[in-house]
């Protein structure tokens, strides 16, 4: 690990004043410190924002929806009774994302901003990684790519987004509250946080230099109680997803889909909203045939490379299973 300066911010103004292109905000550190040890990230300064939990660590829920403080711990959200009752897919995604020890440390925003697990990104002995060295190439395309993305990829990068929570949140129309170093604020749809890879995969988000995410907002909707998160992985014990699906449904008494939300994880370059699947479900009775049709629509644009050729079929089967399980929920 390279030398760095450490500053502890006692309030928001201090944190923002210390922010900059060569600085990184530090809270749980469960991803940041790993990447610093691997020499993948090289911040010159860490700005410890844990004291800001007093302001940004709460969780609130009312008739308008859910407000998750950006510095709330994953465990706090997973154990929250309202989230478990009214937003079960969010609870499921949190519980399946990491071990209890990690959930006790990691913050919600830190989890959203975690980086890809692509081996070529995390191992600096491989020089061909457009995410680390723009223009150097992508060793993963002809290489070891079993876990990597089949949706939202480009000729420059096939790295996958590894998280779980963002998959549910992007399906649920979540948005983010942000504050910038100049004191200005803005609201950003979560779906707009992660950029498509295109020809600039080294620019992963639309965050501006020094911006701090203070809260995550999930609007209330009648279909969130009938929601779940299904995750397929190589091992059951806290592994990253090969494929996952977040589902929320509003069903008429006869089983007709009035509204649907579908998010996909482990399969795409960013948290993936499968709008084509949602569109195919509305107005249809949900059974295995309509679920299969929705899954085919979701993966119509999939692009595979060698070892990950199995992922579209795995993704389709995961989505079908998740849709049928959601339809069978008792609420």
Protein backbone atom coordinates (compact mmCIF):
# COMPACT_ATOMS: atom_id res chain seq x y z
CA UNK A 1 0.00 0.00 0.00
CA UNK A 2 1.28 3.44 -0.91
CA UNK A 3 1.57 6.30 1.61
CA UNK A 4 -1.48 8.54 2.00
CA UNK A 5 -2.70 11.38 4.18
CA UNK A 6 -5.58 10.76 6.58
CA UNK A 7 -8.12 13.39 7.63
CA UNK A 8 -11.18 12.93 9.83
CA UNK A 9 -14.07 15.20 8.94
CA UNK A 10 -16.25 16.22 11.86
CA UNK A 11 -18.96 17.77 9.70
CA UNK A 12 -20.14 18.00 6.11
CA UNK A 13 -18.44 21.30 5.37
CA UNK A 14 -15.08 19.94 6.48
CA UNK A 15 -15.51 16.76 4.45
CA UNK A 16 -16.36 18.73 1.31
CA UNK A 17 -13.45 21.10 1.81
CA UNK A 18 -11.04 18.15 1.91
CA UNK A 19 -12.50 16.47 -1.16
CA UNK A 20 -10.69 16.51 -4.46
CA UNK A 21 -9.59 14.45 -7.44
CA UNK A 22 -6.80 12.78 -5.46
CA UNK A 23 -8.88 12.21 -2.31
CA UNK A 24 -11.32 9.44 -1.45
CA UNK A 25 -14.10 9.40 1.11
CA UNK A 26 -13.64 6.64 3.67
CA UNK A 27 -16.36 5.04 5.84
CA UNK A 28 -16.52 1.25 6.08
CA UNK A 29 -13.54 0.76 3.81
CA UNK A 30 -14.42 -2.85 2.98
CA UNK A 31 -13.80 -2.31 -0.76
CA UNK A 32 -11.56 0.74 -0.77
CA UNK A 33 -8.85 -0.73 1.45
CA UNK A 34 -8.76 -3.97 -0.53
CA UNK A 35 -8.11 -2.08 -3.76
CA UNK A 36 -5.50 0.12 -2.11
CA UNK A 37 -3.65 -2.98 -0.90
CA UNK A 38 -3.75 -4.34 -4.45
CA UNK A 39 -2.34 -1.00 -5.68
CA UNK A 40 -5.34 -0.59 -7.98
CA UNK A 41 -6.53 2.57 -6.21
CA UNK A 42 -3.96 5.15 -5.16
CA UNK A 43 -5.69 8.01 -3.32
CA UNK A 44 -3.33 10.61 -1.89
CA UNK A 45 -5.76 11.35 0.95
CA UNK A 46 -8.49 9.46 2.78
CA UNK A 47 -11.25 11.62 4.21
CA UNK A 48 -12.88 9.74 7.09
CA UNK A 49 -16.58 10.64 7.06
CA UNK A 50 -17.75 8.30 9.81
CA UNK A 51 -18.59 11.27 12.10
CA UNK A 52 -21.18 12.28 9.48
CA UNK A 53 -23.26 9.22 10.42
CA UNK A 54 -24.98 11.48 12.92
CA UNK A 55 -26.52 13.29 9.95
CA UNK A 56 -26.52 10.67 7.20
CA UNK A 57 -26.82 7.37 9.05
CA UNK A 58 -30.56 7.19 9.65
CA UNK A 59 -33.33 5.14 8.07
CA UNK A 60 -36.85 6.54 7.75
CA UNK A 61 -40.02 5.16 6.18
CA UNK A 62 -43.47 6.69 5.77
CA UNK A 63 -46.27 6.82 3.26
CA UNK A 64 -44.09 8.57 0.68
CA UNK A 65 -41.41 5.91 0.68
CA UNK A 66 -38.08 4.93 2.17
CA UNK A 67 -35.11 7.19 2.93
CA UNK A 68 -31.83 5.41 3.59
CA UNK A 69 -28.97 7.47 4.93
CA UNK A 70 -25.91 7.04 2.77
CA UNK A 71 -23.79 6.15 5.81
CA UNK A 72 -26.24 3.66 7.30
CA UNK A 73 -24.66 0.24 7.66
CA UNK A 74 -25.87 -2.63 5.52
CA UNK A 75 -26.78 -4.58 8.66
CA UNK A 76 -28.93 -1.72 9.95
CA UNK A 77 -30.98 -1.67 6.76
CA UNK A 78 -31.20 -5.48 6.54
CA UNK A 79 -32.54 -5.65 10.10
CA UNK A 80 -34.99 -2.76 9.77
CA UNK A 81 -38.54 -4.09 10.33
CA UNK A 82 -40.21 -1.81 7.76
CA UNK A 83 -37.74 -2.78 5.05
CA UNK A 84 -38.27 -6.45 5.80
CA UNK A 85 -42.05 -6.07 5.68
CA UNK A 86 -42.59 -3.56 2.85
CA UNK A 87 -39.42 -3.91 0.74
CA UNK A 88 -38.40 -7.58 1.08
CA UNK A 89 -36.27 -7.55 -2.08
CA UNK A 90 -34.03 -4.90 -0.52
CA UNK A 91 -33.67 -6.99 2.63
CA UNK A 92 -32.93 -10.11 0.57
CA UNK A 93 -30.27 -8.33 -1.47
CA UNK A 94 -28.55 -7.01 1.65
CA UNK A 95 -28.54 -10.32 3.50
CA UNK A 96 -27.20 -12.24 0.51
CA UNK A 97 -24.55 -9.64 -0.32
CA UNK A 98 -21.95 -10.28 2.37
CA UNK A 99 -21.10 -11.91 5.67
CA UNK A 100 -22.46 -10.50 8.92
CA UNK A 101 -19.06 -8.97 9.72
CA UNK A 102 -18.93 -7.11 6.43
CA UNK A 103 -22.54 -5.96 6.72
CA UNK A 104 -21.71 -4.49 10.13
CA UNK A 105 -18.92 -2.39 8.59
CA UNK A 106 -20.01 -1.55 5.05
CA UNK A 107 -22.18 1.48 4.33
CA UNK A 108 -25.03 1.50 1.86
CA UNK A 109 -23.39 4.03 -0.47
CA UNK A 110 -20.06 2.24 -0.28
CA UNK A 111 -21.85 -0.91 -1.39
CA UNK A 112 -23.42 0.89 -4.35
CA UNK A 113 -20.01 2.18 -5.44
CA UNK A 114 -18.11 -1.10 -5.25
CA UNK A 115 -15.87 -1.89 -8.20
CA UNK A 116 -15.82 -4.85 -10.55
CA UNK A 117 -14.30 -8.17 -9.53
CA UNK A 118 -12.72 -8.63 -12.96
CA UNK A 119 -9.37 -10.35 -12.41
CA UNK A 120 -7.60 -8.18 -14.93
CA UNK A 121 -8.73 -4.98 -13.23
CA UNK A 122 -7.68 -6.19 -9.78
CA UNK A 123 -4.29 -7.61 -10.79
CA UNK A 124 -1.84 -4.94 -11.93
CA UNK A 125 0.47 -7.53 -13.48
CA UNK A 126 -1.99 -7.51 -16.37
CA UNK A 127 -1.31 -4.32 -18.29
CA UNK A 128 -4.18 -4.57 -20.76
CA UNK A 129 -7.06 -3.11 -18.75
CA UNK A 130 -8.88 -0.11 -20.15
CA UNK A 131 -10.40 0.58 -16.75
CA UNK A 132 -6.99 1.08 -15.14
CA UNK A 133 -4.98 2.21 -18.17
CA UNK A 134 -7.23 3.80 -20.80
CA UNK A 135 -6.29 2.67 -24.28
CA UNK A 136 -4.28 -0.35 -23.15
CA UNK A 137 -6.87 -2.90 -24.29
CA UNK A 138 -9.04 -5.48 -22.54
CA UNK A 139 -7.30 -8.73 -21.63
CA UNK A 140 -10.62 -10.17 -20.43
CA UNK A 141 -12.23 -10.32 -23.87
CA UNK A 142 -10.01 -13.19 -25.08
CA UNK A 143 -9.12 -14.30 -21.56
CA UNK A 144 -10.65 -15.59 -18.32
CA UNK A 145 -14.12 -14.06 -18.44
CA UNK A 146 -16.51 -16.64 -16.98
CA UNK A 147 -17.95 -14.19 -14.42
CA UNK A 148 -18.00 -11.12 -16.64
CA UNK A 149 -20.81 -9.18 -18.26
CA UNK A 150 -23.01 -10.08 -21.22
CA UNK A 151 -25.27 -7.00 -21.06
CA UNK A 152 -24.10 -3.42 -21.54
CA UNK A 153 -20.62 -4.41 -22.68
CA UNK A 154 -18.47 -2.77 -25.34
CA UNK A 155 -15.44 -3.57 -27.46
CA UNK A 156 -13.37 -1.82 -24.77
CA UNK A 157 -14.59 -3.58 -21.61
CA UNK A 158 -16.71 -6.53 -20.46
CA UNK A 159 -16.26 -6.00 -16.71
CA UNK A 160 -19.35 -6.74 -14.63
CA UNK A 161 -20.95 -4.86 -11.77
CA UNK A 162 -20.77 -7.25 -8.78
CA UNK A 163 -23.21 -5.74 -6.27
CA UNK A 164 -26.64 -6.88 -5.11
CA UNK A 165 -28.33 -3.94 -3.39
CA UNK A 166 -28.14 -1.65 -6.42
CA UNK A 167 -29.89 -4.27 -8.55
CA UNK A 168 -32.99 -4.06 -6.35
CA UNK A 169 -32.78 -0.29 -5.97
CA UNK A 170 -32.46 0.40 -9.69
CA UNK A 171 -35.57 -1.71 -10.32
CA UNK A 172 -37.41 0.25 -7.63
CA UNK A 173 -36.77 3.70 -9.17
CA UNK A 174 -34.45 4.77 -6.36
CA UNK A 175 -32.74 8.14 -6.47
CA UNK A 176 -29.76 9.68 -4.71
CA UNK A 177 -29.29 12.94 -2.82
CA UNK A 178 -25.91 14.53 -3.50
CA UNK A 179 -24.01 17.52 -2.19
CA UNK A 180 -21.02 19.05 -3.97
CA UNK A 181 -17.95 20.85 -2.56
CA UNK A 182 -19.45 24.21 -3.51
CA UNK A 183 -22.51 23.44 -1.37
CA UNK A 184 -24.88 22.81 -4.27
CA UNK A 185 -27.20 19.82 -4.15
CA UNK A 186 -28.86 17.66 -6.75
CA UNK A 187 -30.95 14.52 -7.07
CA UNK A 188 -29.79 11.74 -9.38
CA UNK A 189 -31.77 8.67 -10.43
CA UNK A 190 -29.79 5.63 -9.33
CA UNK A 191 -30.10 4.28 -12.85
CA UNK A 192 -28.03 7.27 -13.97
CA UNK A 193 -25.21 6.77 -11.45
CA UNK A 194 -23.22 4.10 -13.32
CA UNK A 195 -22.13 4.99 -16.83
CA UNK A 196 -22.25 2.60 -19.79
CA UNK A 197 -18.77 1.36 -20.65
CA UNK A 198 -18.61 2.62 -24.22
CA UNK A 199 -15.06 3.67 -25.07
CA UNK A 200 -14.36 5.18 -21.63
CA UNK A 201 -14.72 2.32 -19.13
CA UNK A 202 -12.29 4.05 -16.75
CA UNK A 203 -15.03 6.63 -16.03
CA UNK A 204 -17.47 4.48 -14.07
CA UNK A 205 -19.99 6.93 -12.58
CA UNK A 206 -21.56 10.31 -13.25
CA UNK A 207 -20.43 11.66 -9.88
CA UNK A 208 -18.67 15.01 -10.05
CA UNK A 209 -15.35 15.52 -8.24
CA UNK A 210 -15.85 15.61 -4.47
CA UNK A 211 -19.59 14.92 -4.55
CA UNK A 212 -20.96 13.14 -1.50
CA UNK A 213 -24.01 10.87 -1.67
CA UNK A 214 -26.01 11.62 1.46
CA UNK A 215 -29.19 9.56 1.00
CA UNK A 216 -30.96 6.95 -1.08
CA UNK A 217 -34.68 7.47 -1.70
CA UNK A 218 -37.12 4.73 -2.72
CA UNK A 219 -40.63 5.95 -3.61
CA UNK A 220 -43.58 4.09 -2.15
CA UNK A 221 -45.43 1.78 -4.52
CA UNK A 222 -48.01 -0.97 -4.03
CA UNK A 223 -45.92 -3.66 -5.72
CA UNK A 224 -42.91 -3.60 -3.41
CA UNK A 225 -44.44 -5.98 -0.84
CA UNK A 226 -44.58 -8.62 -3.55
CA UNK A 227 -40.87 -8.41 -4.20
CA UNK A 228 -37.82 -10.65 -3.84
CA UNK A 229 -34.22 -11.07 -4.84
CA UNK A 230 -32.92 -14.36 -6.25
CA UNK A 231 -29.18 -14.95 -6.52
CA UNK A 232 -27.29 -17.78 -8.22
CA UNK A 233 -23.63 -18.22 -7.29
CA UNK A 234 -20.91 -20.86 -7.30
CA UNK A 235 -21.15 -21.31 -3.55
CA UNK A 236 -23.94 -20.43 -1.17
CA UNK A 237 -21.70 -18.72 1.37
CA UNK A 238 -21.41 -15.03 0.46
CA UNK A 239 -20.15 -15.34 -3.08
CA UNK A 240 -20.74 -12.82 -5.84
CA UNK A 241 -23.60 -13.47 -8.24
CA UNK A 242 -23.21 -15.30 -11.51
CA UNK A 243 -26.80 -14.20 -12.12
CA UNK A 244 -29.42 -12.51 -9.98
CA UNK A 245 -32.85 -10.98 -10.36
CA UNK A 246 -34.80 -8.44 -8.32
CA UNK A 247 -38.54 -8.64 -8.94
CA UNK A 248 -41.53 -6.59 -7.82
CA UNK A 249 -45.06 -7.32 -9.03
CA UNK A 250 -48.51 -5.83 -8.80
CA UNK A 251 -50.97 -8.59 -9.70
CA UNK A 252 -54.68 -8.42 -10.32
CA UNK A 253 -56.79 -11.09 -8.56
CA UNK A 254 -56.77 -13.20 -11.73
CA UNK A 255 -52.96 -13.12 -11.94
CA UNK A 256 -52.72 -10.43 -14.60
CA UNK A 257 -49.64 -8.23 -14.23
CA UNK A 258 -50.67 -4.64 -13.62
CA UNK A 259 -47.08 -3.50 -13.00
CA UNK A 260 -43.67 -5.15 -12.92
CA UNK A 261 -40.15 -4.17 -11.97
CA UNK A 262 -37.15 -6.27 -13.01
CA UNK A 263 -33.49 -5.76 -12.14
CA UNK A 264 -30.64 -8.05 -13.14
CA UNK A 265 -27.27 -8.53 -11.44
CA UNK A 266 -24.04 -10.43 -12.05
CA UNK A 267 -24.71 -10.23 -15.77
CA UNK A 268 -24.21 -6.63 -16.76
CA UNK A 269 -21.73 -3.79 -16.77
CA UNK A 270 -23.91 -1.85 -14.31
CA UNK A 271 -27.03 -2.48 -12.21
CA UNK A 272 -29.41 -3.48 -14.98
CA UNK A 273 -33.06 -2.47 -15.35
CA UNK A 274 -34.71 -4.96 -17.70
CA UNK A 275 -37.40 -2.72 -19.12
CA UNK A 276 -38.04 -5.01 -22.09
CA UNK A 277 -39.02 -7.77 -19.65
CA UNK A 278 -41.28 -5.39 -17.74
CA UNK A 279 -43.01 -4.28 -20.93
CA UNK A 280 -43.65 -7.86 -22.04
CA UNK A 281 -45.29 -8.72 -18.68
CA UNK A 282 -47.77 -5.87 -18.33
CA UNK A 283 -51.31 -6.92 -19.12
CA UNK A 284 -50.37 -10.62 -19.25
CA UNK A 285 -51.27 -13.40 -16.88
CA UNK A 286 -48.05 -14.47 -15.23
CA UNK A 287 -47.31 -18.11 -15.84
CA UNK A 288 -44.26 -20.01 -17.02
CA UNK A 289 -44.85 -19.16 -20.66
CA UNK A 290 -45.08 -15.41 -20.10
CA UNK A 291 -42.12 -15.55 -17.72
CA UNK A 292 -40.04 -17.27 -20.41
CA UNK A 293 -41.08 -14.63 -22.94
CA UNK A 294 -40.05 -11.87 -20.54
CA UNK A 295 -36.70 -13.57 -19.94
CA UNK A 296 -36.05 -13.87 -23.66
CA UNK A 297 -36.77 -10.16 -24.07
CA UNK A 298 -34.40 -9.29 -21.22
CA UNK A 299 -31.45 -11.06 -22.88
CA UNK A 300 -32.16 -10.29 -26.52
CA UNK A 301 -29.13 -7.98 -26.63
CA UNK A 302 -26.69 -10.22 -24.73
CA UNK A 303 -23.13 -10.46 -26.08
CA UNK A 304 -20.93 -13.35 -24.96
CA UNK A 305 -17.19 -14.01 -25.06
CA UNK A 306 -15.91 -17.55 -24.72
CA UNK A 307 -16.20 -18.73 -21.12
CA UNK A 308 -19.27 -16.62 -20.28
CA UNK A 309 -21.40 -18.03 -23.10
CA UNK A 310 -23.52 -19.86 -20.52
CA UNK A 311 -24.62 -16.67 -18.77
CA UNK A 312 -27.58 -15.61 -20.94
CA UNK A 313 -29.25 -19.00 -20.43
CA UNK A 314 -28.47 -18.91 -16.70
CA UNK A 315 -29.84 -15.39 -16.55
CA UNK A 316 -33.05 -16.37 -18.33
CA UNK A 317 -33.63 -19.32 -15.99
CA UNK A 318 -32.88 -17.18 -12.94
CA UNK A 319 -35.37 -14.56 -14.09
CA UNK A 320 -38.10 -17.13 -14.80
CA UNK A 321 -37.64 -18.68 -11.37
CA UNK A 322 -37.72 -15.27 -9.68
CA UNK A 323 -40.88 -14.19 -11.49
CA UNK A 324 -42.77 -17.37 -10.62
CA UNK A 325 -41.60 -17.24 -7.00
CA UNK A 326 -42.72 -13.61 -6.70
CA UNK A 327 -46.12 -14.45 -8.18
CA UNK A 328 -46.53 -17.21 -5.58
CA UNK A 329 -45.75 -14.98 -2.59
CA UNK A 330 -48.38 -14.56 0.09
CA UNK A 331 -48.72 -10.89 1.04
